[in-house]
Amino acid sequence: MDALDLARWQFGVTTVYHFLFVPLTIGLGIFVAGLQTAWHRTGKEHYLKLTKFFGKLFLINFAMGVVTGIVQEFQFGMNWSEYSTFVGDVFGAPLAMEALLAFFMESTFLGLWIFGWDRLPKKAHLACIWAAAIGSNLSAYFILAANAWMKHPVGYEVVDGKARMTDLWAVLTNSTAVAQVPHVIGAAFIVAGGFVLAVSGYWLLRTRAPMWRNAARAALVMTALAGAVVAGTGDMSARLMYEQQPMKLASAEGLEHDTAGAAFSLVPGIEIPKVLSFLSAHDPNATVQGTEDLQRRFEQQFGPGDYRPDQPVVFWSFRVMMGFGMATVGLSVLGLWLTRRRREFPRWLSRAMLLALPLPLLSVIAGWLLSEIGRQPWTVAGELLTASSVSPGVSLAEVATSLTIFTLLYGALAVAEVVLLARHVRKGVEEQAPTPAAAERREPSLMY
């Protein structure tokens, strides 16, 4: 094992951990804004209680996401200086827009929302949470646009061994980003919906309070709709993968040789004829390239080397992503069907809703592994190999030390996150409601 291997492990560990918070922040912010909108329109007290309850869970998760996200930037300088040198001119614009526009908007209006209870007019306070939630989604857009450029670089030229941006609009409207952004944001709404379902299921097992049924119903609708978005954009991603990342597609299906009318395999040994060709090119007889044949072509194009990713990881990541994601969406559709006429939730369904917490998280992590490991051995497809991206002056001992520190630190943060979230969930909503006297005097509710 060398410094490159440990640097990849470190970036994988820290990014996966950070990615646990990102999708929940993206989806939960919109959900909280929707709850506050319902309270603003109807004046019903239980919407206010749910807004403050899930609002605090959102804030805990947001704070942890910010802390863990800072580490990502330091790693570019510590372990990946050659990569930073190559992509800096291209990445500078979208990352600056993310920090100065989206994150600034998100954090500023979130601060106003936190401290604006009973201080700002109701409409202005409602606008603050919507602005913060929209900022979270804008932030995701700029980050994903930069990430999409690594898979399908456009709007640039290489000058003196460095990528120079020639067209910002091409980078921001990259076809890979156009498919990837709604796919990832849709998955984020599934994660947030699953989180709300699990919390609601926990309380429905303990109380029959109507507010939890309302929260669960809203989460079921959000998860089902997000599932439709993910399915549609997943089809777009498959076709783009067929054109732009054929090695990833072949590895995800375990296809070794070019095959016309390629079959789709759910698990090894179970294949559905011609489905892979249809999903990839909308033609059941289309030829899908295989890893071994692509390897020979890449050697001729780029020189000697192994251009195949870790095939077992890519293969099973794809199936975990699809399986757990479909299970979560299926649970939401089932819940909507069971409660279509009466709003009561069977106890077995409330128990099943607890599974909606881990399943979508495992699904998005598997999706991230598929996306990033499937691009290997490139950091920038066709331009920069991962082996050429690592910092030349960093030793194995130095990377091992930082990896150990980050792992221990993130372990402690994980414990703190779980304890804070669990403690707040167990408290329920009653403690979050402002007293009538405070409401009459328009004093702060002291929630935050």
Protein backbone atom coordinates (compact mmCIF):
# COMPACT_ATOMS: atom_id res chain seq x y z
CA MET A 1 0.00 0.00 0.00
CA ASP A 2 1.33 3.45 -0.95
CA ALA A 3 0.35 7.07 -0.31
CA LEU A 4 -2.03 7.02 -3.31
CA ASP A 5 -4.05 4.14 -1.85
CA LEU A 6 -4.36 5.80 1.55
CA ALA A 7 -5.20 9.17 0.00
CA ARG A 8 -8.03 7.51 -1.92
CA TRP A 9 -9.24 5.80 1.26
CA GLN A 10 -9.14 9.07 3.16
CA PHE A 11 -11.09 10.96 0.52
CA GLY A 12 -13.60 8.11 0.29
CA VAL A 13 -14.13 7.92 4.06
CA THR A 14 -14.52 11.66 4.57
CA THR A 15 -16.73 12.14 1.51
CA VAL A 16 -19.07 9.25 2.30
CA TYR A 17 -19.44 10.56 5.84
CA HIS A 18 -20.11 14.09 4.61
CA PHE A 19 -22.58 12.75 2.07
CA LEU A 20 -24.69 11.29 4.88
CA PHE A 21 -25.73 14.85 5.82
CA VAL A 22 -25.98 16.51 2.41
CA PRO A 23 -29.07 14.76 0.99
CA LEU A 24 -30.95 15.05 4.28
CA THR A 25 -30.22 18.79 4.41
CA ILE A 26 -31.38 19.29 0.81
CA GLY A 27 -34.67 17.46 1.24
CA LEU A 28 -35.48 18.29 4.85
CA GLY A 29 -35.11 22.03 4.26
CA ILE A 30 -37.87 21.97 1.63
CA PHE A 31 -40.02 19.76 3.88
CA VAL A 32 -39.72 22.18 6.81
CA ALA A 33 -40.51 25.10 4.51
CA GLY A 34 -43.61 23.23 3.34
CA LEU A 35 -44.74 22.64 6.93
CA GLN A 36 -44.33 26.31 7.80
CA THR A 37 -46.23 27.27 4.64
CA ALA A 38 -49.09 24.99 5.73
CA TRP A 39 -49.13 26.70 9.14
CA HIS A 40 -49.07 30.13 7.52
CA ARG A 41 -52.00 29.26 5.25
CA THR A 42 -54.17 27.32 7.71
CA GLY A 43 -53.13 28.63 11.13
CA LYS A 44 -53.29 25.08 12.53
CA GLU A 45 -51.12 24.70 15.59
CA HIS A 46 -49.85 21.20 14.80
CA TYR A 47 -48.14 22.50 11.64
CA LEU A 48 -46.24 25.01 13.77
CA LYS A 49 -45.22 22.26 16.19
CA LEU A 50 -44.01 20.03 13.36
CA THR A 51 -42.16 22.95 11.74
CA LYS A 52 -40.18 23.61 14.89
CA PHE A 53 -39.66 19.93 15.63
CA PHE A 54 -38.27 19.01 12.20
CA GLY A 55 -36.64 22.43 11.96
CA LYS A 56 -34.35 21.63 14.86
CA LEU A 57 -33.48 18.23 13.36
CA PHE A 58 -32.67 20.08 10.14
CA LEU A 59 -30.39 22.50 12.00
CA ILE A 60 -28.49 19.71 13.78
CA ASN A 61 -27.89 17.97 10.47
CA PHE A 62 -26.97 21.21 8.68
CA ALA A 63 -24.36 22.10 11.30
CA MET A 64 -22.77 18.66 11.07
CA GLY A 65 -22.74 18.85 7.28
CA VAL A 66 -20.91 22.19 7.36
CA VAL A 67 -18.27 20.88 9.78
CA THR A 68 -17.58 17.73 7.78
CA GLY A 69 -17.65 19.56 4.45
CA ILE A 70 -14.79 21.89 5.37
CA VAL A 71 -12.40 18.92 5.43
CA GLN A 72 -13.05 18.21 1.75
CA GLU A 73 -11.44 21.48 0.67
CA PHE A 74 -8.31 20.90 2.75
CA GLN A 75 -7.77 17.50 1.17
CA PHE A 76 -7.39 19.01 -2.30
CA GLY A 77 -4.35 20.89 -1.07
CA MET A 78 -2.97 18.19 1.19
CA ASN A 79 -3.26 15.00 -0.85
CA TRP A 80 -4.35 16.03 -4.35
CA SER A 81 -2.25 19.04 -5.32
CA GLU A 82 -1.61 17.78 -8.87
CA TYR A 83 -5.35 17.39 -9.37
CA SER A 84 -5.99 20.87 -7.95
CA THR A 85 -3.39 22.35 -10.28
CA PHE A 86 -4.97 20.74 -13.33
CA VAL A 87 -8.64 21.51 -12.61
CA GLY A 88 -8.30 24.74 -10.61
CA ASP A 89 -9.16 27.12 -13.44
CA VAL A 90 -12.28 25.14 -14.35
CA PHE A 91 -13.43 24.36 -10.81
CA GLY A 92 -12.81 27.87 -9.54
CA ALA A 93 -15.96 29.36 -11.05
CA PRO A 94 -18.64 26.83 -9.98
CA LEU A 95 -17.10 26.36 -6.53
CA ALA A 96 -16.88 30.13 -6.01
CA MET A 97 -20.51 30.48 -7.09
CA GLU A 98 -21.44 27.73 -4.62
CA ALA A 99 -19.65 29.44 -1.73
CA LEU A 100 -20.39 33.11 -2.47
CA LEU A 101 -23.91 32.74 -3.83
CA ALA A 102 -25.60 29.51 -2.76
CA PHE A 103 -24.00 28.84 0.63
CA PHE A 104 -24.03 32.52 1.57
CA MET A 105 -27.72 32.67 0.71
CA GLU A 106 -28.44 29.45 2.60
CA SER A 107 -26.54 30.32 5.78
CA THR A 108 -27.68 33.97 5.93
CA PHE A 109 -31.38 33.28 5.59
CA LEU A 110 -31.13 30.25 7.86
CA GLY A 111 -29.70 32.52 10.54
CA LEU A 112 -32.57 34.95 10.06
CA TRP A 113 -35.02 32.06 10.31
CA ILE A 114 -33.45 30.73 13.52
CA PHE A 115 -33.50 34.05 15.35
CA GLY A 116 -36.51 35.55 13.62
CA TRP A 117 -39.26 33.66 15.44
CA ASP A 118 -41.66 36.25 16.90
CA ARG A 119 -39.34 39.02 15.67
CA LEU A 120 -39.91 39.05 11.92
CA PRO A 121 -43.30 39.38 10.23
CA LYS A 122 -44.76 35.95 9.47
CA LYS A 123 -44.42 36.32 5.71
CA ALA A 124 -40.82 37.51 5.95
CA HIS A 125 -39.96 34.68 8.32
CA LEU A 126 -41.55 32.16 5.96
CA ALA A 127 -39.56 33.62 3.05
CA CYS A 128 -36.35 33.08 5.04
CA ILE A 129 -36.77 29.30 5.32
CA TRP A 130 -37.69 29.06 1.65
CA ALA A 131 -34.60 31.08 0.70
CA ALA A 132 -32.41 28.85 2.87
CA ALA A 133 -33.90 25.69 1.38
CA ILE A 134 -33.49 26.98 -2.17
CA GLY A 135 -29.90 27.92 -1.33
CA SER A 136 -29.22 24.31 -0.31
CA ASN A 137 -30.44 23.09 -3.67
CA LEU A 138 -28.46 25.74 -5.56
CA SER A 139 -25.37 24.68 -3.65
CA ALA A 140 -25.94 21.10 -4.76
CA TYR A 141 -26.31 22.26 -8.36
CA PHE A 142 -22.91 23.97 -8.50
CA ILE A 143 -21.12 21.10 -6.76
CA LEU A 144 -22.73 18.52 -9.02
CA ALA A 145 -21.92 20.59 -12.13
CA ALA A 146 -18.26 20.54 -11.11
CA ASN A 147 -18.43 16.81 -10.42
CA ALA A 148 -20.13 16.17 -13.78
CA TRP A 149 -17.23 17.93 -15.52
CA MET A 150 -14.88 15.27 -14.13
CA LYS A 151 -16.94 12.57 -15.85
CA HIS A 152 -17.58 14.47 -19.08
CA PRO A 153 -15.23 17.46 -19.42
CA VAL A 154 -16.57 20.23 -21.68
CA GLY A 155 -15.95 23.96 -22.23
CA TYR A 156 -12.18 23.82 -21.70
CA GLU A 157 -8.80 23.47 -23.36
CA VAL A 158 -5.51 22.14 -22.02
CA VAL A 159 -2.74 24.76 -21.96
CA ASP A 160 0.71 23.97 -20.52
CA GLY A 161 -0.63 20.83 -18.87
CA LYS A 162 -3.55 22.61 -17.16
CA ALA A 163 -7.25 22.75 -18.00
CA ARG A 164 -8.37 26.27 -18.89
CA MET A 165 -12.07 27.12 -18.96
CA THR A 166 -13.28 28.50 -22.28
CA ASP A 167 -17.06 28.35 -21.73
CA LEU A 168 -18.60 28.62 -18.26
CA TRP A 169 -22.09 28.10 -19.62
CA ALA A 170 -21.02 24.79 -21.20
CA VAL A 171 -19.68 23.65 -17.82
CA LEU A 172 -22.87 24.62 -15.97
CA THR A 173 -25.16 23.06 -18.60
CA ASN A 174 -23.09 19.93 -19.18
CA SER A 175 -25.41 17.13 -20.35
CA THR A 176 -24.09 14.94 -17.53
CA ALA A 177 -24.97 17.63 -14.99
CA VAL A 178 -28.44 18.12 -16.51
CA ALA A 179 -29.19 14.45 -15.78
CA GLN A 180 -27.19 14.18 -12.55
CA VAL A 181 -28.57 17.20 -10.69
CA PRO A 182 -32.28 16.19 -10.64
CA HIS A 183 -31.28 12.56 -10.05
CA VAL A 184 -29.24 13.38 -6.94
CA ILE A 185 -31.70 15.98 -5.64
CA GLY A 186 -34.55 13.52 -6.18
CA ALA A 187 -32.58 10.96 -4.18
CA ALA A 188 -32.09 13.59 -1.47
CA PHE A 189 -35.86 14.00 -1.19
CA ILE A 190 -36.19 10.24 -0.82
CA VAL A 191 -33.64 10.34 2.02
CA ALA A 192 -35.48 13.21 3.72
CA GLY A 193 -38.85 11.54 3.18
CA GLY A 194 -37.50 8.32 4.64
CA PHE A 195 -36.16 10.21 7.65
CA VAL A 196 -39.53 11.85 8.30
CA LEU A 197 -41.27 8.49 7.80
CA ALA A 198 -39.02 6.81 10.34
CA VAL A 199 -39.53 9.56 12.93
CA SER A 200 -43.29 9.56 12.30
CA GLY A 201 -43.41 5.77 12.53
CA TYR A 202 -41.59 5.93 15.86
CA TRP A 203 -44.23 8.27 17.26
CA LEU A 204 -47.20 6.52 15.65
CA LEU A 205 -46.22 3.43 17.61
CA ARG A 206 -46.51 5.50 20.81
CA THR A 207 -49.38 7.86 20.14
CA ARG A 208 -52.31 8.28 17.79
CA ALA A 209 -51.82 12.05 17.53
CA PRO A 210 -53.14 13.26 14.14
CA MET A 211 -50.08 15.44 13.56
CA TRP A 212 -47.86 12.37 13.08
CA ARG A 213 -50.26 10.91 10.55
CA ASN A 214 -50.18 14.22 8.69
CA ALA A 215 -46.37 14.28 8.76
CA ALA A 216 -46.21 10.66 7.57
CA ARG A 217 -48.68 11.30 4.76
CA ALA A 218 -46.68 14.31 3.56
CA ALA A 219 -43.47 12.24 3.65
CA LEU A 220 -45.13 9.41 1.73
CA VAL A 221 -46.19 11.81 -1.03
CA MET A 222 -42.77 13.46 -1.18
CA THR A 223 -40.95 10.11 -1.36
CA ALA A 224 -43.24 8.70 -4.04
CA LEU A 225 -42.94 11.81 -6.23
CA ALA A 226 -39.17 11.90 -5.76
CA GLY A 227 -39.03 8.25 -6.76
CA ALA A 228 -40.66 9.09 -10.08
CA VAL A 229 -38.07 11.84 -10.67
CA VAL A 230 -35.19 9.50 -9.82
CA ALA A 231 -36.51 6.81 -12.17
CA GLY A 232 -36.87 9.25 -15.06
CA THR A 233 -33.47 10.85 -14.60
CA GLY A 234 -31.92 7.44 -14.04
CA ASP A 235 -33.00 6.54 -17.57
CA MET A 236 -31.30 9.71 -18.84
CA SER A 237 -28.15 8.83 -16.89
CA ALA A 238 -28.06 5.32 -18.36
CA ARG A 239 -28.17 6.67 -21.91
CA LEU A 240 -25.46 9.23 -21.17
CA MET A 241 -23.34 6.55 -19.53
CA TYR A 242 -23.69 4.46 -22.68
CA GLU A 243 -22.30 7.37 -24.72
CA GLN A 244 -19.83 8.99 -22.32
CA GLN A 245 -18.75 6.34 -19.77
CA PRO A 246 -19.03 2.95 -21.46
CA MET A 247 -16.50 1.34 -19.11
CA LYS A 248 -18.63 2.22 -16.07
CA LEU A 249 -21.74 0.84 -17.75
CA ALA A 250 -19.99 -2.41 -18.68
CA SER A 251 -18.58 -2.80 -15.16
CA ALA A 252 -21.98 -2.15 -13.56
CA GLU A 253 -23.39 -5.04 -15.62
CA GLY A 254 -20.36 -7.35 -15.52
CA LEU A 255 -20.25 -7.30 -19.34
CA GLU A 256 -16.84 -8.37 -20.63
CA HIS A 257 -17.29 -8.28 -24.41
CA ASP A 258 -19.21 -6.17 -26.90
CA THR A 259 -22.73 -7.60 -27.05
CA ALA A 260 -25.66 -6.82 -29.33
CA GLY A 261 -28.98 -7.12 -27.56
CA ALA A 262 -27.24 -7.16 -24.16
CA ALA A 263 -29.17 -8.61 -21.22
CA PHE A 264 -29.74 -6.89 -17.88
CA SER A 265 -28.80 -8.98 -14.85
CA LEU A 266 -30.51 -8.39 -11.53
CA VAL A 267 -28.04 -10.74 -9.82
CA PRO A 268 -25.43 -13.06 -11.33
CA GLY A 269 -27.18 -15.88 -13.17
CA ILE A 270 -30.52 -14.09 -13.61
CA GLU A 271 -30.68 -12.13 -16.86
CA ILE A 272 -33.43 -10.37 -18.80
CA PRO A 273 -32.57 -10.46 -22.53
CA LYS A 274 -32.06 -7.21 -24.45
CA VAL A 275 -33.08 -4.99 -21.55
CA LEU A 276 -29.61 -3.46 -21.05
CA SER A 277 -29.42 -2.50 -24.73
CA PHE A 278 -32.88 -0.95 -24.53
CA LEU A 279 -32.12 0.98 -21.35
CA SER A 280 -28.80 2.21 -22.74
CA ALA A 281 -29.77 3.17 -26.29
CA HIS A 282 -33.55 2.71 -26.42
CA ASP A 283 -32.83 -0.02 -28.96
CA PRO A 284 -33.17 -3.68 -27.85
CA ASN A 285 -30.60 -4.72 -30.46
CA ALA A 286 -27.99 -2.04 -29.76
CA THR A 287 -24.42 -3.12 -29.08
CA VAL A 288 -23.13 -2.47 -25.57
CA GLN A 289 -19.35 -2.41 -25.21
CA GLY A 290 -17.68 -4.78 -22.75
CA THR A 291 -14.82 -4.15 -20.31
CA GLU A 292 -12.24 -6.38 -22.01
CA ASP A 293 -12.83 -4.94 -25.48
CA LEU A 294 -12.85 -1.40 -24.08
CA GLN A 295 -9.60 -2.10 -22.26
CA ARG A 296 -7.88 -2.94 -25.54
CA ARG A 297 -9.25 0.20 -27.21
CA PHE A 298 -8.19 2.41 -24.30
CA GLU A 299 -4.68 0.96 -24.35
CA GLN A 300 -4.43 1.93 -28.00
CA GLN A 301 -5.81 5.42 -27.29
CA PHE A 302 -4.14 6.31 -23.98
CA GLY A 303 -1.19 3.91 -23.74
CA PRO A 304 -0.45 0.93 -21.49
CA GLY A 305 -2.38 0.64 -18.23
CA ASP A 306 -5.46 -0.88 -16.64
CA TYR A 307 -8.48 1.27 -17.44
CA ARG A 308 -11.04 -0.93 -15.71
CA PRO A 309 -12.56 0.15 -12.36
CA ASP A 310 -13.08 -2.22 -9.43
CA GLN A 311 -15.75 -4.28 -11.16
CA PRO A 312 -17.26 -6.10 -8.13
CA VAL A 313 -17.67 -2.81 -6.22
CA VAL A 314 -19.29 -1.09 -9.21
CA PHE A 315 -21.51 -4.12 -9.93
CA TRP A 316 -22.89 -4.46 -6.40
CA SER A 317 -23.06 -0.71 -5.72
CA PHE A 318 -25.45 -0.39 -8.65
CA ARG A 319 -27.69 -3.13 -7.27
CA VAL A 320 -27.66 -1.83 -3.70
CA MET A 321 -28.51 1.64 -4.98
CA MET A 322 -31.42 0.39 -7.04
CA GLY A 323 -32.66 -2.24 -4.57
CA PHE A 324 -32.73 -0.09 -1.43
CA GLY A 325 -33.98 2.97 -3.31
CA MET A 326 -36.83 1.02 -4.91
CA ALA A 327 -37.67 -0.56 -1.55
CA THR A 328 -38.06 2.88 0.05
CA VAL A 329 -40.18 4.22 -2.80
CA GLY A 330 -42.22 1.00 -2.82
CA LEU A 331 -42.90 1.40 0.89
CA SER A 332 -44.15 4.95 0.30
CA VAL A 333 -46.45 3.86 -2.54
CA LEU A 334 -47.78 1.02 -0.37
CA GLY A 335 -48.38 3.43 2.50
CA LEU A 336 -50.28 5.83 0.26
CA TRP A 337 -52.45 3.01 -1.06
CA LEU A 338 -53.20 1.61 2.41
CA THR A 339 -54.19 5.02 3.77
CA ARG A 340 -56.02 6.30 0.69
CA ARG A 341 -59.48 6.01 2.28
CA ARG A 342 -58.73 6.20 5.96
CA ARG A 343 -55.84 8.05 7.50
CA GLU A 344 -55.08 5.44 10.16
CA PHE A 345 -51.68 3.74 9.88
CA PRO A 346 -51.58 0.00 10.73
CA ARG A 347 -49.02 -0.76 13.41
CA TRP A 348 -47.10 -3.07 11.09
CA LEU A 349 -46.78 -0.22 8.61
CA SER A 350 -45.51 2.10 11.34
CA ARG A 351 -42.87 -0.50 12.19
CA ALA A 352 -41.95 -0.90 8.53
CA MET A 353 -41.54 2.87 8.26
CA LEU A 354 -38.57 2.64 10.62
CA LEU A 355 -36.68 0.93 7.77
CA ALA A 356 -37.10 4.09 5.71
CA LEU A 357 -34.24 5.63 7.72
CA PRO A 358 -31.31 3.33 6.78
CA LEU A 359 -32.43 2.09 3.35
CA PRO A 360 -32.27 5.38 1.39
CA LEU A 361 -29.02 6.37 3.11
CA LEU A 362 -27.43 3.09 2.04
CA SER A 363 -28.86 3.64 -1.44
CA VAL A 364 -27.30 7.10 -1.91
CA ILE A 365 -23.95 5.95 -0.52
CA ALA A 366 -23.97 3.06 -2.99
CA GLY A 367 -24.86 5.51 -5.74
CA TRP A 368 -21.91 7.70 -4.82
CA LEU A 369 -19.59 4.68 -4.90
CA LEU A 370 -20.95 3.71 -8.30
CA SER A 371 -20.45 7.25 -9.61
CA GLU A 372 -16.92 7.81 -8.31
CA ILE A 373 -15.35 4.35 -8.39
CA GLY A 374 -16.92 3.73 -11.79
CA ARG A 375 -14.89 6.68 -13.16
CA GLN A 376 -11.57 5.13 -12.11
CA PRO A 377 -8.72 5.10 -12.99
CA TRP A 378 -9.50 8.70 -14.04
CA THR A 379 -10.11 11.74 -11.88
CA VAL A 380 -10.94 13.67 -15.06
CA ALA A 381 -12.15 11.27 -17.73
CA GLY A 382 -9.71 11.00 -20.60
CA GLU A 383 -7.46 13.76 -19.25
CA LEU A 384 -6.03 13.06 -15.80
CA LEU A 385 -5.40 9.71 -14.13
CA THR A 386 -5.89 9.30 -10.39
CA ALA A 387 -2.30 8.10 -10.06
CA SER A 388 -1.16 11.41 -11.57
CA SER A 389 -3.40 13.50 -9.28
CA VAL A 390 -1.86 12.80 -5.89
CA SER A 391 0.48 15.26 -4.17
CA PRO A 392 4.06 14.19 -4.94
CA GLY A 393 5.50 15.45 -1.66
CA VAL A 394 3.13 13.64 0.71
CA SER A 395 4.49 10.48 2.32
CA LEU A 396 2.68 7.30 3.33
CA ALA A 397 3.18 8.11 7.03
CA GLU A 398 1.71 11.61 6.65
CA VAL A 399 -1.42 10.35 4.87
CA ALA A 400 -1.78 7.54 7.41
CA THR A 401 -1.61 10.06 10.25
CA SER A 402 -4.24 12.36 8.77
CA LEU A 403 -6.46 9.38 7.89
CA THR A 404 -6.30 8.14 11.48
CA ILE A 405 -7.10 11.60 12.89
CA PHE A 406 -10.02 12.15 10.53
CA THR A 407 -11.43 8.69 11.18
CA LEU A 408 -11.36 9.16 14.96
CA LEU A 409 -12.73 12.69 14.71
CA TYR A 410 -15.55 11.63 12.40
CA GLY A 411 -16.34 8.71 14.66
CA ALA A 412 -16.79 11.13 17.57
CA LEU A 413 -18.92 13.43 15.40
CA ALA A 414 -21.07 10.46 14.38
CA VAL A 415 -21.77 9.64 18.01
CA ALA A 416 -22.61 13.29 18.74
CA GLU A 417 -24.95 13.47 15.72
CA VAL A 418 -26.83 10.30 16.66
CA VAL A 419 -27.15 11.35 20.31
CA LEU A 420 -28.43 14.83 19.44
CA LEU A 421 -30.94 13.60 16.87
CA ALA A 422 -32.17 10.72 19.05
CA ARG A 423 -32.54 12.97 22.10
CA HIS A 424 -34.61 15.48 20.15
CA VAL A 425 -36.78 12.82 18.52
CA ARG A 426 -37.55 11.23 21.89
CA LYS A 427 -38.64 14.59 23.32
CA GLY A 428 -41.36 14.91 20.71
CA VAL A 429 -43.15 18.11 19.81
CA GLU A 430 -44.88 19.20 23.00
CA GLU A 431 -41.82 20.96 24.38
CA GLN A 432 -41.43 22.87 21.13
CA ALA A 433 -44.82 24.62 21.26
CA PRO A 434 -44.79 28.25 22.46
CA THR A 435 -46.97 28.99 25.44
CA PRO A 436 -50.14 31.07 24.90
CA ALA A 437 -48.75 33.80 27.14
CA ALA A 438 -45.57 34.06 25.07
CA ALA A 439 -47.60 34.17 21.89
CA GLU A 440 -49.78 36.99 23.25
CA ARG A 441 -46.76 39.01 24.30
CA ARG A 442 -44.97 38.08 21.02
CA GLU A 443 -41.94 37.03 23.02
CA PRO A 444 -39.36 34.65 21.55
CA SER A 445 -40.35 31.01 21.99
CA LEU A 446 -36.76 30.22 22.99
CA MET A 447 -36.83 27.18 20.74
CA TYR A 448 -33.41 28.03 19.40
